């Protein structure tokens, strides 16, 4: 289960790693400074858009931030995946594991399903040209 207080502690840890002020972190995640302060204190939940911004702007792994699973940085996850492939290990693809976990969360937690589907619809609109390029013709 998500614990806002623990998420807030990890959010603060990220901020301190980057030596950002709370104001600067609020800018990075594109929320009001007062809302960010509540996030960091664990008084308010971090929204999906803020998680997306942390990933895009700072490379922070959402899995680490929410559940303290895996490395703090997304690039570290990809580096481990590459090392496994290079070593010829027959390990399950980390991306596939994340997708399976996300699908299970979508099934179990309506609030997450609602947030993710809203974000998905926004992405479909925002990246419609890119999507059109990737689809088979």
C-alpha atoms as a PDB file:
ATOM      1  CA  UNK A   1       0.000   0.000   0.000  1.00  0.00           C
ATOM      2  CA  UNK A   2       1.190   3.519  -0.751  1.00  0.00           C
ATOM      3  CA  UNK A   3       2.398   5.515   2.219  1.00  0.00           C
ATOM      4  CA  UNK A   4       2.447   9.281   1.575  1.00  0.00           C
ATOM      5  CA  UNK A   5       4.844   9.894   4.453  1.00  0.00           C
ATOM      6  CA  UNK A   6       7.444   7.475   3.048  1.00  0.00           C
ATOM      7  CA  UNK A   7       6.949   8.852  -0.453  1.00  0.00           C
ATOM      8  CA  UNK A   8       7.491  12.329   0.965  1.00  0.00           C
ATOM      9  CA  UNK A   9      10.767  11.237   2.581  1.00  0.00           C
ATOM     10  CA  UNK A  10      11.991   9.806  -0.720  1.00  0.00           C
ATOM     11  CA  UNK A  11      10.860  12.954  -2.530  1.00  0.00           C
ATOM     12  CA  UNK A  12      12.929  15.003  -0.102  1.00  0.00           C
ATOM     13  CA  UNK A  13      15.875  12.664  -0.668  1.00  0.00           C
ATOM     14  CA  UNK A  14      15.665  13.318  -4.419  1.00  0.00           C
ATOM     15  CA  UNK A  15      15.484  17.058  -3.817  1.00  0.00           C
ATOM     16  CA  UNK A  16      18.559  16.937  -1.580  1.00  0.00           C
ATOM     17  CA  UNK A  17      20.512  14.843  -4.098  1.00  0.00           C
ATOM     18  CA  UNK A  18      19.917  17.536  -6.721  1.00  0.00           C
ATOM     19  CA  UNK A  19      20.462  20.314  -4.153  1.00  0.00           C
ATOM     20  CA  UNK A  20      17.137  21.875  -5.154  1.00  0.00           C
ATOM     21  CA  UNK A  21      14.965  24.094  -3.035  1.00  0.00           C
ATOM     22  CA  UNK A  22      11.364  23.105  -2.511  1.00  0.00           C
ATOM     23  CA  UNK A  23      10.433  25.913  -4.901  1.00  0.00           C
ATOM     24  CA  UNK A  24      12.701  24.470  -7.608  1.00  0.00           C
ATOM     25  CA  UNK A  25      11.308  20.944  -7.130  1.00  0.00           C
ATOM     26  CA  UNK A  26       7.790  22.337  -7.419  1.00  0.00           C
ATOM     27  CA  UNK A  27       8.815  23.881 -10.745  1.00  0.00           C
ATOM     28  CA  UNK A  28      10.282  20.574 -11.925  1.00  0.00           C
ATOM     29  CA  UNK A  29       7.094  18.648 -11.138  1.00  0.00           C
ATOM     30  CA  UNK A  30       4.923  21.562 -12.326  1.00  0.00           C
ATOM     31  CA  UNK A  31       2.875  22.096  -9.194  1.00  0.00           C
ATOM     32  CA  UNK A  32       2.429  24.903  -6.685  1.00  0.00           C
ATOM     33  CA  UNK A  33       5.168  25.192  -4.079  1.00  0.00           C
ATOM     34  CA  UNK A  34       2.607  24.811  -1.275  1.00  0.00           C
ATOM     35  CA  UNK A  35       1.371  21.548  -2.831  1.00  0.00           C
ATOM     36  CA  UNK A  36       4.928  20.278  -3.187  1.00  0.00           C
ATOM     37  CA  UNK A  37       5.610  21.038   0.489  1.00  0.00           C
ATOM     38  CA  UNK A  38       2.517  18.996   1.420  1.00  0.00           C
ATOM     39  CA  UNK A  39       3.778  16.152  -0.817  1.00  0.00           C
ATOM     40  CA  UNK A  40       7.143  16.170   0.902  1.00  0.00           C
ATOM     41  CA  UNK A  41       5.545  16.165   4.369  1.00  0.00           C
ATOM     42  CA  UNK A  42       3.304  13.267   3.357  1.00  0.00           C
ATOM     43  CA  UNK A  43       0.141  15.314   3.808  1.00  0.00           C
ATOM     44  CA  UNK A  44      -0.903  15.135   0.171  1.00  0.00           C
ATOM     45  CA  UNK A  45      -0.505  12.406  -2.447  1.00  0.00           C
ATOM     46  CA  UNK A  46       1.801  12.915  -5.402  1.00  0.00           C
ATOM     47  CA  UNK A  47      -0.180  12.938  -8.652  1.00  0.00           C
ATOM     48  CA  UNK A  48       0.643  10.916 -11.752  1.00  0.00           C
ATOM     49  CA  UNK A  49       1.721  14.003 -13.718  1.00  0.00           C
ATOM     50  CA  UNK A  50       4.274  14.864 -11.043  1.00  0.00           C
ATOM     51  CA  UNK A  51       5.623  11.306 -11.174  1.00  0.00           C
ATOM     52  CA  UNK A  52       5.904  11.626 -14.935  1.00  0.00           C
ATOM     53  CA  UNK A  53       7.795  14.923 -14.611  1.00  0.00           C
ATOM     54  CA  UNK A  54      10.215  13.448 -12.053  1.00  0.00           C
ATOM     55  CA  UNK A  55      10.921  10.641 -14.478  1.00  0.00           C
ATOM     56  CA  UNK A  56      11.262  12.864 -17.559  1.00  0.00           C
ATOM     57  CA  UNK A  57      13.234  15.697 -15.965  1.00  0.00           C
ATOM     58  CA  UNK A  58      15.366  13.906 -13.365  1.00  0.00           C
ATOM     59  CA  UNK A  59      15.256  10.233 -14.355  1.00  0.00           C
ATOM     60  CA  UNK A  60      13.705   9.190 -11.031  1.00  0.00           C
ATOM     61  CA  UNK A  61      12.134   5.726 -11.015  1.00  0.00           C
ATOM     62  CA  UNK A  62       8.456   5.836 -10.061  1.00  0.00           C
ATOM     63  CA  UNK A  63       8.759   2.333  -8.630  1.00  0.00           C
ATOM     64  CA  UNK A  64      11.494   3.486  -6.276  1.00  0.00           C
ATOM     65  CA  UNK A  65       9.644   6.673  -5.304  1.00  0.00           C
ATOM     66  CA  UNK A  66       6.334   4.937  -4.618  1.00  0.00           C
ATOM     67  CA  UNK A  67       7.461   1.588  -3.245  1.00  0.00           C
ATOM     68  CA  UNK A  68      11.227   1.914  -2.624  1.00  0.00           C
ATOM     69  CA  UNK A  69      11.799  -0.974  -5.029  1.00  0.00           C
ATOM     70  CA  UNK A  70      14.847  -1.036  -7.252  1.00  0.00           C
ATOM     71  CA  UNK A  71      17.292   1.757  -7.954  1.00  0.00           C
ATOM     72  CA  UNK A  72      16.422   5.426  -7.552  1.00  0.00           C
ATOM     73  CA  UNK A  73      17.168   6.271 -11.172  1.00  0.00           C
ATOM     74  CA  UNK A  74      15.402   4.830 -14.189  1.00  0.00           C
ATOM     75  CA  UNK A  75      18.687   4.734 -16.112  1.00  0.00           C
ATOM     76  CA  UNK A  76      20.054   2.345 -13.465  1.00  0.00           C
ATOM     77  CA  UNK A  77      17.193  -0.041 -14.192  1.00  0.00           C
ATOM     78  CA  UNK A  78      17.972   0.068 -17.907  1.00  0.00           C
ATOM     79  CA  UNK A  79      21.703  -0.402 -17.212  1.00  0.00           C
ATOM     80  CA  UNK A  80      20.957  -3.533 -15.172  1.00  0.00           C
ATOM     81  CA  UNK A  81      18.718  -4.812 -17.956  1.00  0.00           C
ATOM     82  CA  UNK A  82      21.493  -4.255 -20.509  1.00  0.00           C
ATOM     83  CA  UNK A  83      24.043  -6.027 -18.278  1.00  0.00           C
ATOM     84  CA  UNK A  84      21.725  -9.024 -17.983  1.00  0.00           C
ATOM     85  CA  UNK A  85      21.269  -9.220 -21.736  1.00  0.00           C
ATOM     86  CA  UNK A  86      25.006  -8.890 -22.354  1.00  0.00           C
ATOM     87  CA  UNK A  87      25.767 -11.605 -19.830  1.00  0.00           C
ATOM     88  CA  UNK A  88      23.300 -13.858 -21.642  1.00  0.00           C
ATOM     89  CA  UNK A  89      21.244 -14.388 -18.507  1.00  0.00           C
ATOM     90  CA  UNK A  90      17.789 -15.797 -19.053  1.00  0.00           C
ATOM     91  CA  UNK A  91      16.066 -13.213 -16.888  1.00  0.00           C
ATOM     92  CA  UNK A  92      12.639 -11.804 -17.488  1.00  0.00           C
ATOM     93  CA  UNK A  93      12.641  -8.382 -19.121  1.00  0.00           C
ATOM     94  CA  UNK A  94      12.352  -5.680 -16.418  1.00  0.00           C
ATOM     95  CA  UNK A  95      10.069  -3.618 -18.634  1.00  0.00           C
ATOM     96  CA  UNK A  96       7.718  -6.586 -19.015  1.00  0.00           C
ATOM     97  CA  UNK A  97       7.674  -7.066 -15.239  1.00  0.00           C
ATOM     98  CA  UNK A  98       6.760  -3.410 -14.765  1.00  0.00           C
ATOM     99  CA  UNK A  99       3.955  -3.649 -17.312  1.00  0.00           C
ATOM    100  CA  UNK A 100       2.579  -6.768 -15.630  1.00  0.00           C
ATOM    101  CA  UNK A 101       2.728  -5.042 -12.242  1.00  0.00           C
ATOM    102  CA  UNK A 102       1.017  -1.940 -13.648  1.00  0.00           C
ATOM    103  CA  UNK A 103      -1.773  -4.038 -15.179  1.00  0.00           C
ATOM    104  CA  UNK A 104      -2.350  -5.723 -11.825  1.00  0.00           C
ATOM    105  CA  UNK A 105      -2.480  -2.320 -10.072  1.00  0.00           C
ATOM    106  CA  UNK A 106      -4.945  -1.074 -12.693  1.00  0.00           C
ATOM    107  CA  UNK A 107      -7.152  -4.062 -11.927  1.00  0.00           C
ATOM    108  CA  UNK A 108      -6.941  -3.723  -8.153  1.00  0.00           C
ATOM    109  CA  UNK A 109      -6.920   0.029  -7.478  1.00  0.00           C
ATOM    110  CA  UNK A 110      -9.610   2.124  -9.187  1.00  0.00           C
ATOM    111  CA  UNK A 111      -7.883   5.429  -8.316  1.00  0.00           C
ATOM    112  CA  UNK A 112      -4.682   4.321 -10.051  1.00  0.00           C
ATOM    113  CA  UNK A 113      -6.700   3.054 -13.034  1.00  0.00           C
ATOM    114  CA  UNK A 114      -8.454   6.418 -13.312  1.00  0.00           C
ATOM    115  CA  UNK A 115      -5.193   8.395 -13.056  1.00  0.00           C
ATOM    116  CA  UNK A 116      -3.302   6.207 -15.526  1.00  0.00           C
ATOM    117  CA  UNK A 117      -6.128   6.187 -18.067  1.00  0.00           C
ATOM    118  CA  UNK A 118      -6.415   9.981 -17.852  1.00  0.00           C
ATOM    119  CA  UNK A 119      -2.681  10.300 -18.417  1.00  0.00           C
ATOM    120  CA  UNK A 120      -2.860   7.778 -21.264  1.00  0.00           C
ATOM    121  CA  UNK A 121      -5.582   9.785 -23.006  1.00  0.00           C
ATOM    122  CA  UNK A 122      -3.512  12.973 -22.616  1.00  0.00           C
ATOM    123  CA  UNK A 123      -0.490  11.207 -24.114  1.00  0.00           C
ATOM    124  CA  UNK A 124      -2.516   9.936 -27.065  1.00  0.00           C
ATOM    125  CA  UNK A 125      -3.462  13.522 -27.861  1.00  0.00           C
ATOM    126  CA  UNK A 126      -0.032  15.013 -27.162  1.00  0.00           C
ATOM    127  CA  UNK A 127       1.907  12.394 -29.142  1.00  0.00           C
ATOM    128  CA  UNK A 128      -0.596  11.607 -31.902  1.00  0.00           C
ATOM    129  CA  UNK A 129       1.968  12.300 -34.662  1.00  0.00           C
ATOM    130  CA  UNK A 130       4.566  10.036 -33.060  1.00  0.00           C
ATOM    131  CA  UNK A 131       1.968   7.313 -32.556  1.00  0.00           C
ATOM    132  CA  UNK A 132       0.911   7.583 -36.197  1.00  0.00           C
ATOM    133  CA  UNK A 133       4.551   7.117 -37.283  1.00  0.00           C
ATOM    134  CA  UNK A 134       4.926   3.963 -35.145  1.00  0.00           C
ATOM    135  CA  UNK A 135       1.712   2.246 -36.223  1.00  0.00           C
ATOM    136  CA  UNK A 136       1.930  -0.217 -39.114  1.00  0.00           C
ATOM    137  CA  UNK A 137       0.523   1.134 -42.355  1.00  0.00           C
END
